[in-house]
PDB file of all heavy atoms in Angstrom:
ATOM      1  N   LEU A   1       0.841  -1.195   0.000  1.00  0.00           N
ATOM      2  CA  LEU A   1       0.000   0.000   0.000  1.00  0.00           C
ATOM      3  C   LEU A   1       0.877   1.247   0.000  1.00  0.00           C
ATOM      4  O   LEU A   1       1.814   1.357   0.797  1.00  0.00           O
ATOM      5  CB  LEU A   1      -0.914   0.008   1.225  1.00  0.00           C
ATOM      6  CG  LEU A   1      -1.903  -1.152   1.342  1.00  0.00           C
ATOM      7  CD1 LEU A   1      -2.686  -1.046   2.650  1.00  0.00           C
ATOM      8  CD2 LEU A   1      -2.849  -1.178   0.156  1.00  0.00           C
ATOM      9  N   SER A   2       0.568   2.181  -0.883  1.00  0.00           N
ATOM     10  CA  SER A   2       1.323   3.423  -0.972  1.00  0.00           C
ATOM     11  C   SER A   2       0.419   4.489  -1.579  1.00  0.00           C
ATOM     12  O   SER A   2      -0.713   4.204  -1.984  1.00  0.00           O
ATOM     13  CB  SER A   2       2.577   3.236  -1.824  1.00  0.00           C
ATOM     14  OG  SER A   2       2.223   2.832  -3.141  1.00  0.00           O
ATOM     15  N   VAL A   3       0.919   5.721  -1.630  1.00  0.00           N
ATOM     16  CA  VAL A   3       0.162   6.792  -2.261  1.00  0.00           C
ATOM     17  C   VAL A   3      -0.131   6.396  -3.711  1.00  0.00           C
ATOM     18  O   VAL A   3       0.755   5.971  -4.446  1.00  0.00           O
ATOM     19  CB  VAL A   3       0.943   8.116  -2.210  1.00  0.00           C
ATOM     20  CG1 VAL A   3       0.257   9.186  -3.048  1.00  0.00           C
ATOM     21  CG2 VAL A   3       1.086   8.596  -0.765  1.00  0.00           C
ATOM     22  N   GLY A   4      -1.402   6.502  -4.097  1.00  0.00           N
ATOM     23  CA  GLY A   4      -1.816   6.098  -5.436  1.00  0.00           C
ATOM     24  C   GLY A   4      -2.475   4.735  -5.499  1.00  0.00           C
ATOM     25  O   GLY A   4      -3.128   4.408  -6.494  1.00  0.00           O
ATOM     26  N   THR A   5      -2.341   3.927  -4.443  1.00  0.00           N
ATOM     27  CA  THR A   5      -2.981   2.610  -4.423  1.00  0.00           C
ATOM     28  C   THR A   5      -4.496   2.772  -4.456  1.00  0.00           C
ATOM     29  O   THR A   5      -5.060   3.645  -3.794  1.00  0.00           O
ATOM     30  CB  THR A   5      -2.581   1.826  -3.158  1.00  0.00           C
ATOM     31  OG1 THR A   5      -1.181   1.565  -3.198  1.00  0.00           O
ATOM     32  CG2 THR A   5      -3.325   0.498  -3.070  1.00  0.00           C
ATOM     33  N   ARG A   6      -5.147   1.919  -5.233  1.00  0.00           N
ATOM     34  CA  ARG A   6      -6.606   1.909  -5.334  1.00  0.00           C
ATOM     35  C   ARG A   6      -7.130   0.615  -4.738  1.00  0.00           C
ATOM     36  O   ARG A   6      -6.595  -0.464  -5.009  1.00  0.00           O
ATOM     37  CB  ARG A   6      -7.054   2.016  -6.795  1.00  0.00           C
ATOM     38  CG  ARG A   6      -6.510   3.203  -7.542  1.00  0.00           C
ATOM     39  CD  ARG A   6      -6.906   3.164  -9.000  1.00  0.00           C
ATOM     40  NE  ARG A   6      -8.323   3.442  -9.165  1.00  0.00           N
ATOM     41  CZ  ARG A   6      -8.829   4.653  -9.394  1.00  0.00           C
ATOM     42  NH1 ARG A   6      -8.022   5.698  -9.513  1.00  0.00           N
ATOM     43  NH2 ARG A   6     -10.126   4.844  -9.543  1.00  0.00           N
ATOM     44  N   LEU A   7      -8.193   0.730  -3.934  1.00  0.00           N
ATOM     45  CA  LEU A   7      -8.850  -0.437  -3.357  1.00  0.00           C
ATOM     46  C   LEU A   7     -10.362  -0.260  -3.489  1.00  0.00           C
ATOM     47  O   LEU A   7     -10.854   0.871  -3.535  1.00  0.00           O
ATOM     48  CB  LEU A   7      -8.476  -0.600  -1.876  1.00  0.00           C
ATOM     49  CG  LEU A   7      -7.020  -0.940  -1.562  1.00  0.00           C
ATOM     50  CD1 LEU A   7      -6.809  -0.985  -0.053  1.00  0.00           C
ATOM     51  CD2 LEU A   7      -6.598  -2.262  -2.199  1.00  0.00           C
ATOM     52  N   PRO A   8     -11.111  -1.355  -3.542  1.00  0.00           N
ATOM     53  CA  PRO A   8     -12.576  -1.234  -3.684  1.00  0.00           C
ATOM     54  C   PRO A   8     -13.202  -0.571  -2.463  1.00  0.00           C
ATOM     55  O   PRO A   8     -12.998  -1.016  -1.334  1.00  0.00           O
ATOM     56  CB  PRO A   8     -13.028  -2.686  -3.843  1.00  0.00           C
ATOM     57  CG  PRO A   8     -11.919  -3.517  -3.282  1.00  0.00           C
ATOM     58  CD  PRO A   8     -10.663  -2.760  -3.540  1.00  0.00           C
ATOM     59  N   ALA A   9     -13.951   0.489  -2.701  1.00  0.00           N
ATOM     60  CA  ALA A   9     -14.514   1.272  -1.602  1.00  0.00           C
ATOM     61  C   ALA A   9     -15.447   0.452  -0.721  1.00  0.00           C
ATOM     62  O   ALA A   9     -15.511   0.659   0.491  1.00  0.00           O
ATOM     63  CB  ALA A   9     -15.254   2.487  -2.163  1.00  0.00           C
ATOM     64  N   ALA A  10     -16.173  -0.490  -1.310  1.00  0.00           N
ATOM     65  CA  ALA A  10     -17.161  -1.253  -0.548  1.00  0.00           C
ATOM     66  C   ALA A  10     -16.530  -2.106   0.534  1.00  0.00           C
ATOM     67  O   ALA A  10     -17.207  -2.481   1.498  1.00  0.00           O
ATOM     68  CB  ALA A  10     -17.969  -2.138  -1.496  1.00  0.00           C
ATOM     69  N   TYR A  11     -15.241  -2.417   0.410  1.00  0.00           N
ATOM     70  CA  TYR A  11     -14.611  -3.356   1.332  1.00  0.00           C
ATOM     71  C   TYR A  11     -13.504  -2.732   2.166  1.00  0.00           C
ATOM     72  O   TYR A  11     -12.678  -3.437   2.733  1.00  0.00           O
ATOM     73  CB  TYR A  11     -14.077  -4.560   0.544  1.00  0.00           C
ATOM     74  CG  TYR A  11     -15.205  -5.337  -0.097  1.00  0.00           C
ATOM     75  CD1 TYR A  11     -15.460  -5.238  -1.457  1.00  0.00           C
ATOM     76  CD2 TYR A  11     -16.046  -6.134   0.675  1.00  0.00           C
ATOM     77  CE1 TYR A  11     -16.511  -5.924  -2.042  1.00  0.00           C
ATOM     78  CE2 TYR A  11     -17.095  -6.818   0.109  1.00  0.00           C
ATOM     79  CZ  TYR A  11     -17.334  -6.713  -1.246  1.00  0.00           C
ATOM     80  OH  TYR A  11     -18.395  -7.390  -1.805  1.00  0.00           O
ATOM     81  N   THR A  12     -13.493  -1.410   2.254  1.00  0.00           N
ATOM     82  CA  THR A  12     -12.522  -0.714   3.094  1.00  0.00           C
ATOM     83  C   THR A  12     -13.253   0.234   4.032  1.00  0.00           C
ATOM     84  O   THR A  12     -14.305   0.766   3.688  1.00  0.00           O
ATOM     85  CB  THR A  12     -11.524   0.098   2.242  1.00  0.00           C
ATOM     86  OG1 THR A  12     -12.229   1.094   1.509  1.00  0.00           O
ATOM     87  CG2 THR A  12     -10.769  -0.806   1.273  1.00  0.00           C
ATOM     88  N   SER A  13     -12.684   0.456   5.197  1.00  0.00           N
ATOM     89  CA  SER A  13     -13.327   1.363   6.156  1.00  0.00           C
ATOM     90  C   SER A  13     -13.356   2.786   5.614  1.00  0.00           C
ATOM     91  O   SER A  13     -14.363   3.492   5.759  1.00  0.00           O
ATOM     92  CB  SER A  13     -12.589   1.304   7.502  1.00  0.00           C
ATOM     93  OG  SER A  13     -11.222   1.659   7.360  1.00  0.00           O
ATOM     94  N   MET A  14     -12.279   3.226   4.976  1.00  0.00           N
ATOM     95  CA  MET A  14     -12.280   4.577   4.401  1.00  0.00           C
ATOM     96  C   MET A  14     -13.294   4.679   3.278  1.00  0.00           C
ATOM     97  O   MET A  14     -13.992   5.695   3.141  1.00  0.00           O
ATOM     98  CB  MET A  14     -10.881   4.936   3.900  1.00  0.00           C
ATOM     99  CG  MET A  14      -9.867   5.161   5.006  1.00  0.00           C
ATOM    100  SD  MET A  14      -8.266   5.801   4.435  1.00  0.00           S
ATOM    101  CE  MET A  14      -7.616   4.374   3.548  1.00  0.00           C
ATOM    102  N   GLY A  15     -13.395   3.632   2.469  1.00  0.00           N
ATOM    103  CA  GLY A  15     -14.363   3.644   1.382  1.00  0.00           C
ATOM    104  C   GLY A  15     -15.788   3.772   1.879  1.00  0.00           C
ATOM    105  O   GLY A  15     -16.592   4.538   1.322  1.00  0.00           O
ATOM    106  N   ARG A  16     -16.124   3.047   2.920  1.00  0.00           N
ATOM    107  CA  ARG A  16     -17.487   3.113   3.448  1.00  0.00           C
ATOM    108  C   ARG A  16     -17.785   4.469   4.074  1.00  0.00           C
ATOM    109  O   ARG A  16     -18.905   4.980   3.967  1.00  0.00           O
ATOM    110  CB  ARG A  16     -17.712   1.970   4.440  1.00  0.00           C
ATOM    111  CG  ARG A  16     -17.777   0.615   3.746  1.00  0.00           C
ATOM    112  CD  ARG A  16     -18.066  -0.530   4.691  1.00  0.00           C
ATOM    113  NE  ARG A  16     -18.080  -1.793   3.961  1.00  0.00           N
ATOM    114  CZ  ARG A  16     -18.183  -2.993   4.520  1.00  0.00           C
ATOM    115  NH1 ARG A  16     -18.286  -3.086   5.850  1.00  0.00           N
ATOM    116  NH2 ARG A  16     -18.177  -4.086   3.782  1.00  0.00           N
ATOM    117  N   VAL A  17     -16.791   5.056   4.712  1.00  0.00           N
ATOM    118  CA  VAL A  17     -16.978   6.406   5.249  1.00  0.00           C
ATOM    119  C   VAL A  17     -17.276   7.387   4.118  1.00  0.00           C
ATOM    120  O   VAL A  17     -18.193   8.225   4.218  1.00  0.00           O
ATOM    121  CB  VAL A  17     -15.719   6.848   6.031  1.00  0.00           C
ATOM    122  CG1 VAL A  17     -15.704   8.359   6.231  1.00  0.00           C
ATOM    123  CG2 VAL A  17     -15.665   6.147   7.380  1.00  0.00           C
ATOM    124  N   LEU A  18     -16.522   7.284   3.032  1.00  0.00           N
ATOM    125  CA  LEU A  18     -16.699   8.210   1.915  1.00  0.00           C
ATOM    126  C   LEU A  18     -18.006   7.958   1.178  1.00  0.00           C
ATOM    127  O   LEU A  18     -18.696   8.899   0.776  1.00  0.00           O
ATOM    128  CB  LEU A  18     -15.511   8.093   0.962  1.00  0.00           C
ATOM    129  CG  LEU A  18     -14.170   8.536   1.555  1.00  0.00           C
ATOM    130  CD1 LEU A  18     -13.014   8.152   0.643  1.00  0.00           C
ATOM    131  CD2 LEU A  18     -14.157  10.038   1.826  1.00  0.00           C
ATOM    132  N   LEU A  19     -18.372   6.703   1.003  1.00  0.00           N
ATOM    133  CA  LEU A  19     -19.652   6.385   0.367  1.00  0.00           C
ATOM    134  C   LEU A  19     -20.810   6.926   1.201  1.00  0.00           C
ATOM    135  O   LEU A  19     -21.794   7.445   0.666  1.00  0.00           O
ATOM    136  CB  LEU A  19     -19.796   4.877   0.186  1.00  0.00           C
ATOM    137  CG  LEU A  19     -18.904   4.217  -0.866  1.00  0.00           C
ATOM    138  CD1 LEU A  19     -19.009   2.691  -0.769  1.00  0.00           C
ATOM    139  CD2 LEU A  19     -19.271   4.682  -2.273  1.00  0.00           C
ATOM    140  N   ALA A  20     -20.687   6.804   2.518  1.00  0.00           N
ATOM    141  CA  ALA A  20     -21.759   7.261   3.404  1.00  0.00           C
ATOM    142  C   ALA A  20     -21.926   8.771   3.387  1.00  0.00           C
ATOM    143  O   ALA A  20     -22.989   9.282   3.759  1.00  0.00           O
ATOM    144  CB  ALA A  20     -21.482   6.789   4.832  1.00  0.00           C
ATOM    145  N   GLN A  21     -20.916   9.500   2.930  1.00  0.00           N
ATOM    146  CA  GLN A  21     -20.997  10.961   2.867  1.00  0.00           C
ATOM    147  C   GLN A  21     -21.664  11.461   1.591  1.00  0.00           C
ATOM    148  O   GLN A  21     -21.974  12.648   1.474  1.00  0.00           O
ATOM    149  CB  GLN A  21     -19.585  11.565   2.965  1.00  0.00           C
ATOM    150  CG  GLN A  21     -18.917  11.397   4.318  1.00  0.00           C
ATOM    151  CD  GLN A  21     -19.629  12.162   5.413  1.00  0.00           C
ATOM    152  OE1 GLN A  21     -20.086  13.272   5.203  1.00  0.00           O
ATOM    153  NE2 GLN A  21     -19.725  11.565   6.596  1.00  0.00           N
ATOM    154  N   LEU A  22     -21.876  10.573   0.619  1.00  0.00           N
ATOM    155  CA  LEU A  22     -22.470  10.993  -0.646  1.00  0.00           C
ATOM    156  C   LEU A  22     -23.949  11.327  -0.484  1.00  0.00           C
ATOM    157  O   LEU A  22     -24.651  10.697   0.318  1.00  0.00           O
ATOM    158  CB  LEU A  22     -22.328   9.875  -1.689  1.00  0.00           C
ATOM    159  CG  LEU A  22     -20.929   9.552  -2.205  1.00  0.00           C
ATOM    160  CD1 LEU A  22     -20.988   8.330  -3.115  1.00  0.00           C
ATOM    161  CD2 LEU A  22     -20.343  10.744  -2.943  1.00  0.00           C
ATOM    162  N   PRO A  23     -24.462  12.285  -1.252  1.00  0.00           N
ATOM    163  CA  PRO A  23     -25.907  12.481  -1.319  1.00  0.00           C
ATOM    164  C   PRO A  23     -26.569  11.182  -1.778  1.00  0.00           C
ATOM    165  O   PRO A  23     -25.988  10.410  -2.558  1.00  0.00           O
ATOM    166  CB  PRO A  23     -26.068  13.589  -2.368  1.00  0.00           C
ATOM    167  CG  PRO A  23     -24.753  14.292  -2.385  1.00  0.00           C
ATOM    168  CD  PRO A  23     -23.721  13.256  -2.083  1.00  0.00           C
ATOM    169  N   GLN A  24     -27.779  10.934  -1.313  1.00  0.00           N
ATOM    170  CA  GLN A  24     -28.425   9.644  -1.554  1.00  0.00           C
ATOM    171  C   GLN A  24     -28.533   9.309  -3.043  1.00  0.00           C
ATOM    172  O   GLN A  24     -28.278   8.166  -3.449  1.00  0.00           O
ATOM    173  CB  GLN A  24     -29.821   9.628  -0.921  1.00  0.00           C
ATOM    174  CG  GLN A  24     -30.458   8.241  -0.903  1.00  0.00           C
ATOM    175  CD  GLN A  24     -29.645   7.244  -0.081  1.00  0.00           C
ATOM    176  OE1 GLN A  24     -29.302   7.519   1.072  1.00  0.00           O
ATOM    177  NE2 GLN A  24     -29.320   6.104  -0.670  1.00  0.00           N
ATOM    178  N   ALA A  25     -28.884  10.284  -3.864  1.00  0.00           N
ATOM    179  CA  ALA A  25     -29.031  10.014  -5.299  1.00  0.00           C
ATOM    180  C   ALA A  25     -27.701   9.615  -5.920  1.00  0.00           C
ATOM    181  O   ALA A  25     -27.640   8.693  -6.750  1.00  0.00           O
ATOM    182  CB  ALA A  25     -29.604  11.231  -6.011  1.00  0.00           C
ATOM    183  N   ASN A  26     -26.615  10.287  -5.532  1.00  0.00           N
ATOM    184  CA  ASN A  26     -25.295   9.941  -6.041  1.00  0.00           C
ATOM    185  C   ASN A  26     -24.869   8.547  -5.583  1.00  0.00           C
ATOM    186  O   ASN A  26     -24.288   7.768  -6.345  1.00  0.00           O
ATOM    187  CB  ASN A  26     -24.261  10.966  -5.589  1.00  0.00           C
ATOM    188  CG  ASN A  26     -24.475  12.321  -6.195  1.00  0.00           C
ATOM    189  OD1 ASN A  26     -25.607  12.746  -6.392  1.00  0.00           O
ATOM    190  ND2 ASN A  26     -23.403  13.016  -6.509  1.00  0.00           N
ATOM    191  N   LEU A  27     -25.167   8.255  -4.319  1.00  0.00           N
ATOM    192  CA  LEU A  27     -24.827   6.943  -3.788  1.00  0.00           C
ATOM    193  C   LEU A  27     -25.582   5.849  -4.527  1.00  0.00           C
ATOM    194  O   LEU A  27     -25.003   4.820  -4.907  1.00  0.00           O
ATOM    195  CB  LEU A  27     -25.132   6.880  -2.294  1.00  0.00           C
ATOM    196  CG  LEU A  27     -24.917   5.526  -1.619  1.00  0.00           C
ATOM    197  CD1 LEU A  27     -23.464   5.078  -1.730  1.00  0.00           C
ATOM    198  CD2 LEU A  27     -25.346   5.582  -0.149  1.00  0.00           C
ATOM    199  N   ASP A  28     -26.869   6.047  -4.752  1.00  0.00           N
ATOM    200  CA  ASP A  28     -27.672   5.040  -5.461  1.00  0.00           C
ATOM    201  C   ASP A  28     -27.092   4.759  -6.839  1.00  0.00           C
ATOM    202  O   ASP A  28     -26.995   3.598  -7.271  1.00  0.00           O
ATOM    203  CB  ASP A  28     -29.122   5.504  -5.589  1.00  0.00           C
ATOM    204  CG  ASP A  28     -29.862   5.512  -4.254  1.00  0.00           C
ATOM    205  OD1 ASP A  28     -29.378   4.832  -3.324  1.00  0.00           O
ATOM    206  OD2 ASP A  28     -30.887   6.200  -4.145  1.00  0.00           O
ATOM    207  N   SER A  29     -26.706   5.807  -7.546  1.00  0.00           N
ATOM    208  CA  SER A  29     -26.151   5.635  -8.884  1.00  0.00           C
ATOM    209  C   SER A  29     -24.833   4.876  -8.841  1.00  0.00           C
ATOM    210  O   SER A  29     -24.582   3.982  -9.656  1.00  0.00           O
ATOM    211  CB  SER A  29     -25.940   6.992  -9.547  1.00  0.00           C
ATOM    212  OG  SER A  29     -25.378   6.849 -10.822  1.00  0.00           O
ATOM    213  N   LEU A  30     -23.997   5.189  -7.858  1.00  0.00           N
ATOM    214  CA  LEU A  30     -22.697   4.535  -7.750  1.00  0.00           C
ATOM    215  C   LEU A  30     -22.856   3.060  -7.391  1.00  0.00           C
ATOM    216  O   LEU A  30     -22.159   2.192  -7.939  1.00  0.00           O
ATOM    217  CB  LEU A  30     -21.843   5.249  -6.707  1.00  0.00           C
ATOM    218  CG  LEU A  30     -20.334   4.993  -6.748  1.00  0.00           C
ATOM    219  CD1 LEU A  30     -19.758   5.404  -8.090  1.00  0.00           C
ATOM    220  CD2 LEU A  30     -19.641   5.732  -5.618  1.00  0.00           C
ATOM    221  N   LEU A  31     -23.766   2.763  -6.482  1.00  0.00           N
ATOM    222  CA  LEU A  31     -23.965   1.371  -6.074  1.00  0.00           C
ATOM    223  C   LEU A  31     -24.466   0.515  -7.236  1.00  0.00           C
ATOM    224  O   LEU A  31     -24.175  -0.679  -7.300  1.00  0.00           O
ATOM    225  CB  LEU A  31     -24.936   1.298  -4.896  1.00  0.00           C
ATOM    226  CG  LEU A  31     -24.441   1.875  -3.566  1.00  0.00           C
ATOM    227  CD1 LEU A  31     -25.501   1.733  -2.487  1.00  0.00           C
ATOM    228  CD2 LEU A  31     -23.145   1.203  -3.123  1.00  0.00           C
ATOM    229  N   GLN A  32     -25.214   1.128  -8.139  1.00  0.00           N
ATOM    230  CA  GLN A  32     -25.701   0.379  -9.295  1.00  0.00           C
ATOM    231  C   GLN A  32     -24.564  -0.094 -10.191  1.00  0.00           C
ATOM    232  O   GLN A  32     -24.695  -1.105 -10.882  1.00  0.00           O
ATOM    233  CB  GLN A  32     -26.677   1.240 -10.105  1.00  0.00           C
ATOM    234  CG  GLN A  32     -28.012   1.467  -9.431  1.00  0.00           C
ATOM    235  CD  GLN A  32     -28.899   2.436 -10.199  1.00  0.00           C
ATOM    236  OE1 GLN A  32     -28.597   2.807 -11.335  1.00  0.00           O
ATOM    237  NE2 GLN A  32     -29.989   2.852  -9.587  1.00  0.00           N
ATOM    238  N   SER A  33     -23.458   0.624 -10.178  1.00  0.00           N
ATOM    239  CA  SER A  33     -22.316   0.244 -11.012  1.00  0.00           C
ATOM    240  C   SER A  33     -21.285  -0.576 -10.254  1.00  0.00           C
ATOM    241  O   SER A  33     -20.236  -0.915 -10.803  1.00  0.00           O
ATOM    242  CB  SER A  33     -21.640   1.509 -11.567  1.00  0.00           C
ATOM    243  OG  SER A  33     -21.076   2.273 -10.509  1.00  0.00           O
ATOM    244  N   MET A  34     -21.569  -0.911  -9.019  1.00  0.00           N
ATOM    245  CA  MET A  34     -20.602  -1.588  -8.160  1.00  0.00           C
ATOM    246  C   MET A  34     -20.800  -3.098  -8.185  1.00  0.00           C
ATOM    247  O   MET A  34     -21.923  -3.592  -8.142  1.00  0.00           O
ATOM    248  CB  MET A  34     -20.752  -1.053  -6.727  1.00  0.00           C
ATOM    249  CG  MET A  34     -19.666  -1.484  -5.771  1.00  0.00           C
ATOM    250  SD  MET A  34     -19.874  -0.658  -4.161  1.00  0.00           S
ATOM    251  CE  MET A  34     -19.414   1.035  -4.587  1.00  0.00           C
ATOM    252  N   GLU A  35     -19.705  -3.808  -8.255  1.00  0.00           N
ATOM    253  CA  GLU A  35     -19.747  -5.272  -8.222  1.00  0.00           C
ATOM    254  C   GLU A  35     -19.287  -5.750  -6.853  1.00  0.00           C
ATOM    255  O   GLU A  35     -18.190  -5.426  -6.393  1.00  0.00           O
ATOM    256  CB  GLU A  35     -18.827  -5.854  -9.293  1.00  0.00           C
ATOM    257  CG  GLU A  35     -18.771  -7.373  -9.291  1.00  0.00           C
ATOM    258  CD  GLU A  35     -17.777  -7.943 -10.285  1.00  0.00           C
ATOM    259  OE1 GLU A  35     -17.169  -7.151 -11.042  1.00  0.00           O
ATOM    260  OE2 GLU A  35     -17.584  -9.167 -10.294  1.00  0.00           O
ATOM    261  N   LEU A  36     -20.135  -6.504  -6.179  1.00  0.00           N
ATOM    262  CA  LEU A  36     -19.786  -7.049  -4.881  1.00  0.00           C
ATOM    263  C   LEU A  36     -19.315  -8.492  -5.053  1.00  0.00           C
ATOM    264  O   LEU A  36     -19.954  -9.282  -5.755  1.00  0.00           O
ATOM    265  CB  LEU A  36     -20.990  -7.013  -3.940  1.00  0.00           C
ATOM    266  CG  LEU A  36     -21.592  -5.640  -3.645  1.00  0.00           C
ATOM    267  CD1 LEU A  36     -22.731  -5.760  -2.639  1.00  0.00           C
ATOM    268  CD2 LEU A  36     -20.520  -4.672  -3.132  1.00  0.00           C
ATOM    269  N   ARG A  37     -18.200  -8.825  -4.420  1.00  0.00           N
ATOM    270  CA  ARG A  37     -17.715 -10.208  -4.494  1.00  0.00           C
ATOM    271  C   ARG A  37     -17.006 -10.562  -3.197  1.00  0.00           C
ATOM    272  O   ARG A  37     -16.541  -9.675  -2.461  1.00  0.00           O
ATOM    273  CB  ARG A  37     -16.781 -10.407  -5.675  1.00  0.00           C
ATOM    274  CG  ARG A  37     -15.465  -9.657  -5.619  1.00  0.00           C
ATOM    275  CD  ARG A  37     -14.674  -9.873  -6.888  1.00  0.00           C
ATOM    276  NE  ARG A  37     -13.361  -9.251  -6.862  1.00  0.00           N
ATOM    277  CZ  ARG A  37     -12.251  -9.852  -6.416  1.00  0.00           C
ATOM    278  NH1 ARG A  37     -12.334 -11.098  -5.931  1.00  0.00           N
ATOM    279  NH2 ARG A  37     -11.092  -9.230  -6.434  1.00  0.00           N
ATOM    280  N   ALA A  38     -16.910 -11.826  -2.941  1.00  0.00           N
ATOM    281  CA  ALA A  38     -16.337 -12.312  -1.687  1.00  0.00           C
ATOM    282  C   ALA A  38     -14.813 -12.345  -1.776  1.00  0.00           C
ATOM    283  O   ALA A  38     -14.228 -13.269  -2.341  1.00  0.00           O
ATOM    284  CB  ALA A  38     -16.882 -13.691  -1.364  1.00  0.00           C
ATOM    285  N   HIS A  39     -14.174 -11.324  -1.209  1.00  0.00           N
ATOM    286  CA  HIS A  39     -12.714 -11.334  -1.125  1.00  0.00           C
ATOM    287  C   HIS A  39     -12.249 -12.290  -0.039  1.00  0.00           C
ATOM    288  O   HIS A  39     -11.179 -12.890  -0.143  1.00  0.00           O
ATOM    289  CB  HIS A  39     -12.199  -9.925  -0.816  1.00  0.00           C
ATOM    290  CG  HIS A  39     -12.515  -8.924  -1.890  1.00  0.00           C
ATOM    291  ND1 HIS A  39     -11.711  -8.716  -2.985  1.00  0.00           N
ATOM    292  CD2 HIS A  39     -13.566  -8.075  -2.036  1.00  0.00           C
ATOM    293  CE1 HIS A  39     -12.239  -7.780  -3.759  1.00  0.00           C
ATOM    294  NE2 HIS A  39     -13.358  -7.376  -3.205  1.00  0.00           N
ATOM    295  N   THR A  40     -13.059 -12.415   1.015  1.00  0.00           N
ATOM    296  CA  THR A  40     -12.800 -13.345   2.114  1.00  0.00           C
ATOM    297  C   THR A  40     -14.150 -13.910   2.561  1.00  0.00           C
ATOM    298  O   THR A  40     -15.206 -13.426   2.138  1.00  0.00           O
ATOM    299  CB  THR A  40     -12.135 -12.634   3.317  1.00  0.00           C
ATOM    300  OG1 THR A  40     -13.136 -11.894   4.037  1.00  0.00           O
ATOM    301  CG2 THR A  40     -11.017 -11.704   2.881  1.00  0.00           C
ATOM    302  N   PRO A  41     -14.154 -14.897   3.446  1.00  0.00           N
ATOM    303  CA  PRO A  41     -15.437 -15.405   3.962  1.00  0.00           C
ATOM    304  C   PRO A  41     -16.238 -14.363   4.739  1.00  0.00           C
ATOM    305  O   PRO A  41     -17.430 -14.556   4.980  1.00  0.00           O
ATOM    306  CB  PRO A  41     -15.006 -16.558   4.878  1.00  0.00           C
ATOM    307  CG  PRO A  41     -13.677 -16.990   4.362  1.00  0.00           C
ATOM    308  CD  PRO A  41     -13.019 -15.734   3.878  1.00  0.00           C
ATOM    309  N   HIS A  42     -15.600 -13.246   5.113  1.00  0.00           N
ATOM    310  CA  HIS A  42     -16.281 -12.218   5.908  1.00  0.00           C
ATOM    311  C   HIS A  42     -16.885 -11.110   5.047  1.00  0.00           C
ATOM    312  O   HIS A  42     -17.551 -10.218   5.569  1.00  0.00           O
ATOM    313  CB  HIS A  42     -15.290 -11.583   6.896  1.00  0.00           C
ATOM    314  CG  HIS A  42     -14.586 -12.558   7.772  1.00  0.00           C
ATOM    315  ND1 HIS A  42     -15.181 -13.170   8.840  1.00  0.00           N
ATOM    316  CD2 HIS A  42     -13.310 -13.047   7.725  1.00  0.00           C
ATOM    317  CE1 HIS A  42     -14.322 -13.986   9.432  1.00  0.00           C
ATOM    318  NE2 HIS A  42     -13.181 -13.929   8.770  1.00  0.00           N
ATOM    319  N   SER A  43     -16.662 -11.137   3.747  1.00  0.00           N
ATOM    320  CA  SER A  43     -17.073 -10.030   2.873  1.00  0.00           C
ATOM    321  C   SER A  43     -18.588  -9.940   2.732  1.00  0.00           C
ATOM    322  O   SER A  43     -19.267 -10.950   2.571  1.00  0.00           O
ATOM    323  CB  SER A  43     -16.468 -10.211   1.473  1.00  0.00           C
ATOM    324  OG  SER A  43     -15.063 -10.274   1.518  1.00  0.00           O
ATOM    325  N   LEU A  44     -19.087  -8.697   2.760  1.00  0.00           N
ATOM    326  CA  LEU A  44     -20.490  -8.455   2.423  1.00  0.00           C
ATOM    327  C   LEU A  44     -20.672  -8.625   0.913  1.00  0.00           C
ATOM    328  O   LEU A  44     -19.946  -8.020   0.129  1.00  0.00           O
ATOM    329  CB  LEU A  44     -20.901  -7.036   2.809  1.00  0.00           C
ATOM    330  CG  LEU A  44     -21.222  -6.738   4.272  1.00  0.00           C
ATOM    331  CD1 LEU A  44     -21.604  -5.270   4.420  1.00  0.00           C
ATOM    332  CD2 LEU A  44     -22.339  -7.613   4.757  1.00  0.00           C
TER     333      LEU A  44
END
């Protein structure tokens, strides 16, 4: 991990904080384009 590293927002604490700050309409649109997959047995 370094400056410039990209990680899926849905599976990181920082990503969820930032997603939660979006206006609801923007969030809905973004979630529609998001692919959820099991990175580990604990993944949503």
